[in-house]
Amino acid sequence: MQVPGPFEYERATSVIDAIGLLERLGSEARLVAGGHSLLPMMKLRLANPEYLIDINPLHDELGHITVEPSGVRIGAMVRHRELLESAELAALWPIFRDAERVIADPVVRNRGTIGGSLCQADPAEDLSTVCEVLDATCVLQGPRGERSIAMSEFHLGPYETAAADNEILTEIRIPFRDHGSNAYAKVERRVGDWAIAAAGAAVWLDGPVVVEARIGLTAVNADPSGFGEVYEFLIGKPCTDEVALYAGDLASRHCEPVTDQRGTAEYKRHLAKELTRRALRTAAGRVH
């Protein structure tokens, strides 16, 4: 039987209280909301925190989706189900609904949060790619106040973020820009599974022509620093199927997938190419 190691349980009543607990308990404390990623790791003894701080009471404080003229502010405690069901979010950033439809199952979506997804920093996690494609900013709060960090800099590596031990992710902010749209495409072995590969894309058009683009790849060990080559190719061209396919080919060259039980490296690289094409074409079609 897989069981976690021993740990102490605390329940935070506010953001300030959660920060105080993190400060007092130190680096061996972990925040937990849905727990669908952390608890399985604890059962396998891949994670062994001495303290779990339950932050579910913070939903009233951090469970907002606020659309403003400049963009949207999403509280870190917003549940996957709330992201899926938000009509305002789907109208402006349909990539969220694309991704949430293929994240896990209703049980997980009812409890899991966007903040937990981003802070878990799993390379196969969908919302990390979504937020990076949308040029999101993560807002962290700690004993010394609030600071913001770009999503592209928030993840330092697998399961590692730029958040300090005594900081809590409170909000994700996404800027709004006209004449653009976005999409997410994913292949999984079965409904609710981690991605074999997935791709997100955002494009901004002037008429039929691409003036700016962003892409992201999930679960294929991508190197985003190489995607500049893809953007340079797309800018100034209409996002036809041929153009999108070549862009997908370029993107697939900047990933290093590994062969595992979900598929061979060659198959995953093919998926990276094809899913990038689909996401680009869908995003461009939505602009019109």
C-alpha atoms as a PDB file:
ATOM      1  CA  MET A   1       0.000   0.000   0.000  1.00  0.00           C
ATOM      2  CA  GLN A   2       1.265   3.450  -0.897  1.00  0.00           C
ATOM      3  CA  VAL A   3       0.974   5.825   2.045  1.00  0.00           C
ATOM      4  CA  PRO A   4       2.553   9.229   2.696  1.00  0.00           C
ATOM      5  CA  GLY A   5       5.151   9.760   5.361  1.00  0.00           C
ATOM      6  CA  PRO A   6       4.057  11.424   8.611  1.00  0.00           C
ATOM      7  CA  PHE A   7       3.213  15.133   8.454  1.00  0.00           C
ATOM      8  CA  GLU A   8       1.545  17.829  10.513  1.00  0.00           C
ATOM      9  CA  TYR A   9      -1.580  19.605   9.259  1.00  0.00           C
ATOM     10  CA  GLU A  10      -2.357  23.320   9.464  1.00  0.00           C
ATOM     11  CA  ARG A  11      -5.323  25.226   8.025  1.00  0.00           C
ATOM     12  CA  ALA A  12      -4.807  28.810   6.855  1.00  0.00           C
ATOM     13  CA  THR A  13      -7.643  31.297   7.223  1.00  0.00           C
ATOM     14  CA  SER A  14      -6.263  34.101   5.027  1.00  0.00           C
ATOM     15  CA  VAL A  15      -3.355  34.941   2.743  1.00  0.00           C
ATOM     16  CA  ILE A  16      -1.618  36.727   5.629  1.00  0.00           C
ATOM     17  CA  ASP A  17      -2.162  33.698   7.846  1.00  0.00           C
ATOM     18  CA  ALA A  18      -0.776  31.353   5.156  1.00  0.00           C
ATOM     19  CA  ILE A  19       2.338  33.508   4.788  1.00  0.00           C
ATOM     20  CA  GLY A  20       2.775  33.541   8.551  1.00  0.00           C
ATOM     21  CA  LEU A  21       2.575  29.744   8.671  1.00  0.00           C
ATOM     22  CA  LEU A  22       5.099  29.399   5.846  1.00  0.00           C
ATOM     23  CA  GLU A  23       7.412  31.795   7.650  1.00  0.00           C
ATOM     24  CA  ARG A  24       7.090  29.914  10.934  1.00  0.00           C
ATOM     25  CA  LEU A  25       7.257  26.348   9.602  1.00  0.00           C
ATOM     26  CA  GLY A  26      10.051  26.904   7.094  1.00  0.00           C
ATOM     27  CA  SER A  27      11.076  25.104   3.935  1.00  0.00           C
ATOM     28  CA  GLU A  28       9.548  21.752   4.963  1.00  0.00           C
ATOM     29  CA  ALA A  29       6.010  23.156   4.665  1.00  0.00           C
ATOM     30  CA  ARG A  30       3.890  22.832   1.532  1.00  0.00           C
ATOM     31  CA  LEU A  31       0.630  24.516   0.589  1.00  0.00           C
ATOM     32  CA  VAL A  32      -2.192  22.249  -0.564  1.00  0.00           C
ATOM     33  CA  ALA A  33      -5.503  23.082  -2.245  1.00  0.00           C
ATOM     34  CA  GLY A  34      -6.743  20.290  -4.531  1.00  0.00           C
ATOM     35  CA  GLY A  35      -3.751  18.102  -3.777  1.00  0.00           C
ATOM     36  CA  HIS A  36      -4.189  15.919  -6.862  1.00  0.00           C
ATOM     37  CA  SER A  37      -0.541  16.333  -7.852  1.00  0.00           C
ATOM     38  CA  LEU A  38       1.123  16.652  -4.448  1.00  0.00           C
ATOM     39  CA  LEU A  39      -0.620  13.784  -2.647  1.00  0.00           C
ATOM     40  CA  PRO A  40       0.278  11.096  -5.224  1.00  0.00           C
ATOM     41  CA  MET A  41       3.900  12.241  -5.003  1.00  0.00           C
ATOM     42  CA  MET A  42       3.693  11.946  -1.209  1.00  0.00           C
ATOM     43  CA  LYS A  43       2.288   8.424  -1.493  1.00  0.00           C
ATOM     44  CA  LEU A  44       5.270   7.468  -3.635  1.00  0.00           C
ATOM     45  CA  ARG A  45       7.600   9.252  -1.168  1.00  0.00           C
ATOM     46  CA  LEU A  46       8.786  11.525  -3.986  1.00  0.00           C
ATOM     47  CA  ALA A  47       7.718  14.428  -1.782  1.00  0.00           C
ATOM     48  CA  ASN A  48       7.984  14.300   2.022  1.00  0.00           C
ATOM     49  CA  PRO A  49       6.854  17.606   3.524  1.00  0.00           C
ATOM     50  CA  GLU A  50       6.773  17.800   7.286  1.00  0.00           C
ATOM     51  CA  TYR A  51       3.796  20.169   7.215  1.00  0.00           C
ATOM     52  CA  LEU A  52       0.797  20.604   4.925  1.00  0.00           C
ATOM     53  CA  ILE A  53      -0.951  23.962   4.996  1.00  0.00           C
ATOM     54  CA  ASP A  54      -4.527  23.689   3.726  1.00  0.00           C
ATOM     55  CA  ILE A  55      -5.447  26.872   1.839  1.00  0.00           C
ATOM     56  CA  ASN A  56      -8.965  25.907   0.730  1.00  0.00           C
ATOM     57  CA  PRO A  57     -10.472  28.579   3.052  1.00  0.00           C
ATOM     58  CA  LEU A  58      -8.714  31.176   0.850  1.00  0.00           C
ATOM     59  CA  HIS A  59     -11.098  30.608  -2.064  1.00  0.00           C
ATOM     60  CA  ASP A  60     -13.222  33.603  -1.075  1.00  0.00           C
ATOM     61  CA  GLU A  61     -10.093  35.764  -1.122  1.00  0.00           C
ATOM     62  CA  LEU A  62      -8.345  34.264  -4.161  1.00  0.00           C
ATOM     63  CA  GLY A  63     -11.196  32.735  -6.171  1.00  0.00           C
ATOM     64  CA  HIS A  64     -11.910  35.640  -8.514  1.00  0.00           C
ATOM     65  CA  ILE A  65     -11.887  36.008 -12.297  1.00  0.00           C
ATOM     66  CA  THR A  66     -11.876  39.758 -12.930  1.00  0.00           C
ATOM     67  CA  VAL A  67     -11.986  41.044 -16.501  1.00  0.00           C
ATOM     68  CA  GLU A  68     -10.739  44.625 -16.905  1.00  0.00           C
ATOM     69  CA  PRO A  69     -10.088  46.778 -19.993  1.00  0.00           C
ATOM     70  CA  SER A  70      -6.367  46.014 -19.763  1.00  0.00           C
ATOM     71  CA  GLY A  71      -6.709  42.284 -19.202  1.00  0.00           C
ATOM     72  CA  VAL A  72      -7.857  39.662 -16.727  1.00  0.00           C
ATOM     73  CA  ARG A  73      -6.878  38.893 -13.138  1.00  0.00           C
ATOM     74  CA  ILE A  74      -7.315  35.283 -12.084  1.00  0.00           C
ATOM     75  CA  GLY A  75      -7.016  34.409  -8.418  1.00  0.00           C
ATOM     76  CA  ALA A  76      -4.723  31.491  -7.641  1.00  0.00           C
ATOM     77  CA  MET A  77      -7.571  29.573  -5.940  1.00  0.00           C
ATOM     78  CA  VAL A  78      -9.834  29.564  -9.007  1.00  0.00           C
ATOM     79  CA  ARG A  79     -10.830  25.943  -9.636  1.00  0.00           C
ATOM     80  CA  HIS A  80     -10.399  24.235 -13.001  1.00  0.00           C
ATOM     81  CA  ARG A  81     -14.183  23.925 -13.229  1.00  0.00           C
ATOM     82  CA  GLU A  82     -14.573  27.680 -12.788  1.00  0.00           C
ATOM     83  CA  LEU A  83     -12.078  28.339 -15.579  1.00  0.00           C
ATOM     84  CA  LEU A  84     -13.927  25.894 -17.822  1.00  0.00           C
ATOM     85  CA  GLU A  85     -17.321  27.453 -17.136  1.00  0.00           C
ATOM     86  CA  SER A  86     -16.311  31.137 -17.376  1.00  0.00           C
ATOM     87  CA  ALA A  87     -18.048  32.570 -20.457  1.00  0.00           C
ATOM     88  CA  GLU A  88     -16.089  35.834 -20.220  1.00  0.00           C
ATOM     89  CA  LEU A  89     -12.781  34.007 -20.160  1.00  0.00           C
ATOM     90  CA  ALA A  90     -13.767  31.754 -23.062  1.00  0.00           C
ATOM     91  CA  ALA A  91     -14.802  34.744 -25.171  1.00  0.00           C
ATOM     92  CA  LEU A  92     -11.475  36.548 -24.713  1.00  0.00           C
ATOM     93  CA  TRP A  93      -9.057  33.648 -24.191  1.00  0.00           C
ATOM     94  CA  PRO A  94     -10.674  30.477 -25.609  1.00  0.00           C
ATOM     95  CA  ILE A  95      -7.402  28.618 -25.010  1.00  0.00           C
ATOM     96  CA  PHE A  96      -8.477  28.202 -21.363  1.00  0.00           C
ATOM     97  CA  ARG A  97     -11.609  26.284 -22.313  1.00  0.00           C
ATOM     98  CA  ASP A  98      -9.630  24.224 -24.848  1.00  0.00           C
ATOM     99  CA  ALA A  99      -7.204  23.163 -22.130  1.00  0.00           C
ATOM    100  CA  GLU A 100      -9.682  22.718 -19.297  1.00  0.00           C
ATOM    101  CA  ARG A 101     -11.823  20.354 -21.372  1.00  0.00           C
ATOM    102  CA  VAL A 102      -8.906  17.908 -21.506  1.00  0.00           C
ATOM    103  CA  ILE A 103      -7.517  18.342 -17.986  1.00  0.00           C
ATOM    104  CA  ALA A 104      -8.100  15.248 -15.860  1.00  0.00           C
ATOM    105  CA  ASP A 105     -11.724  14.510 -14.919  1.00  0.00           C
ATOM    106  CA  PRO A 106     -14.608  16.260 -13.115  1.00  0.00           C
ATOM    107  CA  VAL A 107     -13.373  15.146  -9.691  1.00  0.00           C
ATOM    108  CA  VAL A 108      -9.997  16.810 -10.239  1.00  0.00           C
ATOM    109  CA  ARG A 109     -11.488  19.860 -11.967  1.00  0.00           C
ATOM    110  CA  ASN A 110     -13.849  20.454  -9.055  1.00  0.00           C
ATOM    111  CA  ARG A 111     -10.985  20.714  -6.559  1.00  0.00           C
ATOM    112  CA  GLY A 112      -7.770  21.513  -8.419  1.00  0.00           C
ATOM    113  CA  THR A 113      -6.731  25.152  -8.828  1.00  0.00           C
ATOM    114  CA  ILE A 114      -4.798  27.172 -11.372  1.00  0.00           C
ATOM    115  CA  GLY A 115      -2.346  28.217  -8.658  1.00  0.00           C
ATOM    116  CA  GLY A 116      -1.680  24.626  -7.700  1.00  0.00           C
ATOM    117  CA  SER A 117      -1.115  23.682 -11.330  1.00  0.00           C
ATOM    118  CA  LEU A 118       1.410  26.443 -11.900  1.00  0.00           C
ATOM    119  CA  CYS A 119       3.230  25.908  -8.599  1.00  0.00           C
ATOM    120  CA  GLN A 120       3.525  22.160  -9.140  1.00  0.00           C
ATOM    121  CA  ALA A 121       5.633  23.001 -12.236  1.00  0.00           C
ATOM    122  CA  ASP A 122       5.045  19.597 -13.804  1.00  0.00           C
ATOM    123  CA  PRO A 123       6.463  19.562 -17.370  1.00  0.00           C
ATOM    124  CA  ALA A 124       3.294  17.773 -18.545  1.00  0.00           C
ATOM    125  CA  GLU A 125       0.918  20.310 -16.967  1.00  0.00           C
ATOM    126  CA  ASP A 126      -1.400  22.110 -19.408  1.00  0.00           C
ATOM    127  CA  LEU A 127      -2.079  25.474 -17.759  1.00  0.00           C
ATOM    128  CA  SER A 128       1.621  26.319 -17.540  1.00  0.00           C
ATOM    129  CA  THR A 129       1.790  26.251 -21.345  1.00  0.00           C
ATOM    130  CA  VAL A 130      -1.469  28.212 -21.601  1.00  0.00           C
ATOM    131  CA  CYS A 131      -0.210  30.972 -19.308  1.00  0.00           C
ATOM    132  CA  GLU A 132       3.163  31.187 -21.024  1.00  0.00           C
ATOM    133  CA  VAL A 133       1.520  31.487 -24.454  1.00  0.00           C
ATOM    134  CA  LEU A 134      -0.652  34.314 -23.123  1.00  0.00           C
ATOM    135  CA  ASP A 135       2.371  36.153 -21.677  1.00  0.00           C
ATOM    136  CA  ALA A 136       0.926  35.935 -18.168  1.00  0.00           C
ATOM    137  CA  THR A 137       2.439  37.446 -15.039  1.00  0.00           C
ATOM    138  CA  CYS A 138       2.464  35.642 -11.681  1.00  0.00           C
ATOM    139  CA  VAL A 139       1.874  37.724  -8.557  1.00  0.00           C
ATOM    140  CA  LEU A 140       3.546  36.453  -5.391  1.00  0.00           C
ATOM    141  CA  GLN A 141       2.985  37.704  -1.857  1.00  0.00           C
ATOM    142  CA  GLY A 142       5.322  37.199   1.076  1.00  0.00           C
ATOM    143  CA  PRO A 143       6.359  38.839   4.353  1.00  0.00           C
ATOM    144  CA  ARG A 144       8.019  41.717   2.471  1.00  0.00           C
ATOM    145  CA  GLY A 145       5.016  42.428   0.277  1.00  0.00           C
ATOM    146  CA  GLU A 146       4.062  41.683  -3.298  1.00  0.00           C
ATOM    147  CA  ARG A 147       6.173  41.035  -6.377  1.00  0.00           C
ATOM    148  CA  SER A 148       5.429  40.081  -9.971  1.00  0.00           C
ATOM    149  CA  ILE A 149       7.311  37.695 -12.215  1.00  0.00           C
ATOM    150  CA  ALA A 150       6.722  36.753 -15.846  1.00  0.00           C
ATOM    151  CA  MET A 151       5.353  33.273 -16.420  1.00  0.00           C
ATOM    152  CA  SER A 152       8.309  32.612 -18.717  1.00  0.00           C
ATOM    153  CA  GLU A 153      10.588  33.071 -15.680  1.00  0.00           C
ATOM    154  CA  PHE A 154       8.379  31.506 -13.001  1.00  0.00           C
ATOM    155  CA  HIS A 155       9.414  27.909 -13.690  1.00  0.00           C
ATOM    156  CA  LEU A 156      13.087  27.274 -13.018  1.00  0.00           C
ATOM    157  CA  GLY A 157      12.903  23.595 -13.961  1.00  0.00           C
ATOM    158  CA  PRO A 158      10.755  20.507 -13.388  1.00  0.00           C
ATOM    159  CA  TYR A 159       8.872  20.902 -10.087  1.00  0.00           C
ATOM    160  CA  GLU A 160      10.814  24.062  -9.233  1.00  0.00           C
ATOM    161  CA  THR A 161       9.528  27.640  -9.255  1.00  0.00           C
ATOM    162  CA  ALA A 162      10.848  31.107  -8.485  1.00  0.00           C
ATOM    163  CA  ALA A 163       8.555  31.395  -5.445  1.00  0.00           C
ATOM    164  CA  ALA A 164      10.402  31.624  -2.150  1.00  0.00           C
ATOM    165  CA  ASP A 165       9.577  29.228   0.682  1.00  0.00           C
ATOM    166  CA  ASN A 166       7.608  31.947   2.477  1.00  0.00           C
ATOM    167  CA  GLU A 167       5.687  33.240  -0.553  1.00  0.00           C
ATOM    168  CA  ILE A 168       2.272  32.324  -1.916  1.00  0.00           C
ATOM    169  CA  LEU A 169       1.044  32.738  -5.490  1.00  0.00           C
ATOM    170  CA  THR A 170      -2.017  34.973  -5.227  1.00  0.00           C
ATOM    171  CA  GLU A 171      -2.916  35.974  -8.778  1.00  0.00           C
ATOM    172  CA  ILE A 172      -2.243  35.455 -12.484  1.00  0.00           C
ATOM    173  CA  ARG A 173      -2.567  38.513 -14.725  1.00  0.00           C
ATOM    174  CA  ILE A 174      -2.985  38.297 -18.487  1.00  0.00           C
ATOM    175  CA  PRO A 175      -2.831  41.371 -20.741  1.00  0.00           C
ATOM    176  CA  PHE A 176      -5.522  41.949 -23.347  1.00  0.00           C
ATOM    177  CA  ARG A 177      -4.653  42.789 -26.963  1.00  0.00           C
ATOM    178  CA  ASP A 178      -6.936  43.357 -29.950  1.00  0.00           C
ATOM    179  CA  HIS A 179      -6.955  41.402 -33.217  1.00  0.00           C
ATOM    180  CA  GLY A 180      -5.693  38.176 -31.706  1.00  0.00           C
ATOM    181  CA  SER A 181      -6.845  34.796 -30.485  1.00  0.00           C
ATOM    182  CA  ASN A 182      -5.463  31.533 -29.167  1.00  0.00           C
ATOM    183  CA  ALA A 183      -5.964  27.781 -29.018  1.00  0.00           C
ATOM    184  CA  TYR A 184      -4.716  24.584 -27.370  1.00  0.00           C
ATOM    185  CA  ALA A 185      -4.456  21.081 -28.837  1.00  0.00           C
ATOM    186  CA  LYS A 186      -3.583  17.914 -26.928  1.00  0.00           C
ATOM    187  CA  VAL A 187      -3.150  14.178 -27.468  1.00  0.00           C
ATOM    188  CA  GLU A 188      -3.528  11.808 -24.504  1.00  0.00           C
ATOM    189  CA  ARG A 189      -3.679   8.033 -24.151  1.00  0.00           C
ATOM    190  CA  ARG A 190      -7.088   8.139 -22.501  1.00  0.00           C
ATOM    191  CA  VAL A 191      -9.469  10.802 -21.236  1.00  0.00           C
ATOM    192  CA  GLY A 192      -8.017  12.658 -18.277  1.00  0.00           C
ATOM    193  CA  ASP A 193      -4.459  11.397 -18.708  1.00  0.00           C
ATOM    194  CA  TRP A 194      -1.339  13.531 -18.790  1.00  0.00           C
ATOM    195  CA  ALA A 195      -0.478  14.743 -22.278  1.00  0.00           C
ATOM    196  CA  ILE A 196       1.594  12.619 -24.620  1.00  0.00           C
ATOM    197  CA  ALA A 197       2.158  15.998 -26.239  1.00  0.00           C
ATOM    198  CA  ALA A 198       0.239  19.259 -26.454  1.00  0.00           C
ATOM    199  CA  ALA A 199       0.658  22.662 -28.050  1.00  0.00           C
ATOM    200  CA  GLY A 200      -0.696  26.129 -27.375  1.00  0.00           C
ATOM    201  CA  ALA A 201      -0.626  29.061 -29.772  1.00  0.00           C
ATOM    202  CA  ALA A 202      -1.616  32.711 -29.827  1.00  0.00           C
ATOM    203  CA  VAL A 203      -1.596  34.880 -32.949  1.00  0.00           C
ATOM    204  CA  TRP A 204      -2.339  38.516 -33.702  1.00  0.00           C
ATOM    205  CA  LEU A 205      -3.300  39.467 -37.236  1.00  0.00           C
ATOM    206  CA  ASP A 206      -3.434  42.541 -39.448  1.00  0.00           C
ATOM    207  CA  GLY A 207      -6.037  41.407 -41.945  1.00  0.00           C
ATOM    208  CA  PRO A 208      -4.905  37.919 -42.978  1.00  0.00           C
ATOM    209  CA  VAL A 209      -1.254  38.506 -42.040  1.00  0.00           C
ATOM    210  CA  VAL A 210       0.422  37.479 -38.772  1.00  0.00           C
ATOM    211  CA  VAL A 211       1.999  40.411 -36.939  1.00  0.00           C
ATOM    212  CA  GLU A 212       2.890  38.526 -33.758  1.00  0.00           C
ATOM    213  CA  ALA A 213       2.734  34.953 -32.518  1.00  0.00           C
ATOM    214  CA  ARG A 214       3.521  32.873 -29.448  1.00  0.00           C
ATOM    215  CA  ILE A 215       3.621  29.112 -29.063  1.00  0.00           C
ATOM    216  CA  GLY A 216       4.213  26.652 -26.244  1.00  0.00           C
ATOM    217  CA  LEU A 217       4.698  22.891 -26.089  1.00  0.00           C
ATOM    218  CA  THR A 218       3.752  20.540 -23.258  1.00  0.00           C
ATOM    219  CA  ALA A 219       5.406  17.270 -22.170  1.00  0.00           C
ATOM    220  CA  VAL A 220       8.081  17.205 -24.887  1.00  0.00           C
ATOM    221  CA  ASN A 221      10.967  18.942 -23.080  1.00  0.00           C
ATOM    222  CA  ALA A 222      10.750  22.053 -25.238  1.00  0.00           C
ATOM    223  CA  ASP A 223      13.322  24.854 -25.316  1.00  0.00           C
ATOM    224  CA  PRO A 224      11.275  28.081 -25.650  1.00  0.00           C
ATOM    225  CA  SER A 225      14.429  30.108 -26.330  1.00  0.00           C
ATOM    226  CA  GLY A 226      14.466  28.541 -29.797  1.00  0.00           C
ATOM    227  CA  PHE A 227      10.920  29.570 -30.681  1.00  0.00           C
ATOM    228  CA  GLY A 228      12.111  32.955 -31.944  1.00  0.00           C
ATOM    229  CA  GLU A 229      12.888  31.209 -35.209  1.00  0.00           C
ATOM    230  CA  VAL A 230       9.235  30.160 -35.460  1.00  0.00           C
ATOM    231  CA  TYR A 231       7.967  33.678 -34.770  1.00  0.00           C
ATOM    232  CA  GLU A 232      10.278  35.214 -37.363  1.00  0.00           C
ATOM    233  CA  PHE A 233       9.008  32.767 -39.948  1.00  0.00           C
ATOM    234  CA  LEU A 234       5.326  33.472 -39.178  1.00  0.00           C
ATOM    235  CA  ILE A 235       5.437  37.270 -39.106  1.00  0.00           C
ATOM    236  CA  GLY A 236       4.282  38.839 -42.345  1.00  0.00           C
ATOM    237  CA  LYS A 237       2.639  35.678 -43.661  1.00  0.00           C
ATOM    238  CA  PRO A 238      -0.982  34.529 -43.756  1.00  0.00           C
ATOM    239  CA  CYS A 239      -1.530  31.612 -41.385  1.00  0.00           C
ATOM    240  CA  THR A 240      -2.350  29.067 -44.083  1.00  0.00           C
ATOM    241  CA  ASP A 241      -2.177  25.350 -43.451  1.00  0.00           C
ATOM    242  CA  GLU A 242       1.147  25.181 -45.279  1.00  0.00           C
ATOM    243  CA  VAL A 243       2.647  28.023 -43.241  1.00  0.00           C
ATOM    244  CA  ALA A 244       1.341  26.564 -39.969  1.00  0.00           C
ATOM    245  CA  LEU A 245       2.724  23.127 -40.824  1.00  0.00           C
ATOM    246  CA  TYR A 246       6.196  24.497 -41.496  1.00  0.00           C
ATOM    247  CA  ALA A 247       6.024  26.514 -38.270  1.00  0.00           C
ATOM    248  CA  GLY A 248       5.145  23.288 -36.474  1.00  0.00           C
ATOM    249  CA  ASP A 249       8.150  21.604 -38.030  1.00  0.00           C
ATOM    250  CA  LEU A 250      10.398  24.408 -36.795  1.00  0.00           C
ATOM    251  CA  ALA A 251       8.902  24.189 -33.303  1.00  0.00           C
ATOM    252  CA  SER A 252       9.409  20.420 -33.141  1.00  0.00           C
ATOM    253  CA  ARG A 253      13.138  20.907 -33.737  1.00  0.00           C
ATOM    254  CA  HIS A 254      13.346  22.779 -30.426  1.00  0.00           C
ATOM    255  CA  CYS A 255      12.118  19.946 -28.226  1.00  0.00           C
ATOM    256  CA  GLU A 256      13.808  16.825 -26.885  1.00  0.00           C
ATOM    257  CA  PRO A 257      11.086  14.317 -25.990  1.00  0.00           C
ATOM    258  CA  VAL A 258      11.982  11.028 -24.369  1.00  0.00           C
ATOM    259  CA  THR A 259      10.683   7.551 -25.109  1.00  0.00           C
ATOM    260  CA  ASP A 260       8.476   6.212 -22.312  1.00  0.00           C
ATOM    261  CA  GLN A 261       5.241   4.299 -21.772  1.00  0.00           C
ATOM    262  CA  ARG A 262       3.289   7.053 -23.546  1.00  0.00           C
ATOM    263  CA  GLY A 263       5.201   6.815 -26.812  1.00  0.00           C
ATOM    264  CA  THR A 264       8.509   7.047 -28.595  1.00  0.00           C
ATOM    265  CA  ALA A 265      10.506  10.235 -28.896  1.00  0.00           C
ATOM    266  CA  GLU A 266       9.937  10.194 -32.667  1.00  0.00           C
ATOM    267  CA  TYR A 267       6.164   9.938 -32.216  1.00  0.00           C
ATOM    268  CA  LYS A 268       6.116  12.785 -29.689  1.00  0.00           C
ATOM    269  CA  ARG A 269       8.160  14.999 -32.001  1.00  0.00           C
ATOM    270  CA  HIS A 270       5.650  14.296 -34.775  1.00  0.00           C
ATOM    271  CA  LEU A 271       2.829  15.256 -32.404  1.00  0.00           C
ATOM    272  CA  ALA A 272       4.609  18.496 -31.481  1.00  0.00           C
ATOM    273  CA  LYS A 273       4.710  19.413 -35.162  1.00  0.00           C
ATOM    274  CA  GLU A 274       1.104  18.474 -35.905  1.00  0.00           C
ATOM    275  CA  LEU A 275      -0.406  19.943 -32.737  1.00  0.00           C
ATOM    276  CA  THR A 276       1.423  23.242 -33.268  1.00  0.00           C
ATOM    277  CA  ARG A 277      -0.098  23.375 -36.755  1.00  0.00           C
ATOM    278  CA  ARG A 278      -3.579  22.711 -35.399  1.00  0.00           C
ATOM    279  CA  ALA A 279      -3.285  25.268 -32.603  1.00  0.00           C
ATOM    280  CA  LEU A 280      -1.995  27.968 -34.978  1.00  0.00           C
ATOM    281  CA  ARG A 281      -4.735  27.316 -37.539  1.00  0.00           C
ATOM    282  CA  THR A 282      -7.465  27.283 -34.905  1.00  0.00           C
ATOM    283  CA  ALA A 283      -6.183  30.478 -33.281  1.00  0.00           C
ATOM    284  CA  ALA A 284      -5.987  32.296 -36.626  1.00  0.00           C
ATOM    285  CA  GLY A 285      -9.479  31.121 -37.552  1.00  0.00           C
ATOM    286  CA  ARG A 286     -10.853  32.481 -34.303  1.00  0.00           C
ATOM    287  CA  VAL A 287      -9.511  35.955 -34.994  1.00  0.00           C
ATOM    288  CA  HIS A 288     -11.804  36.162 -38.004  1.00  0.00           C
END
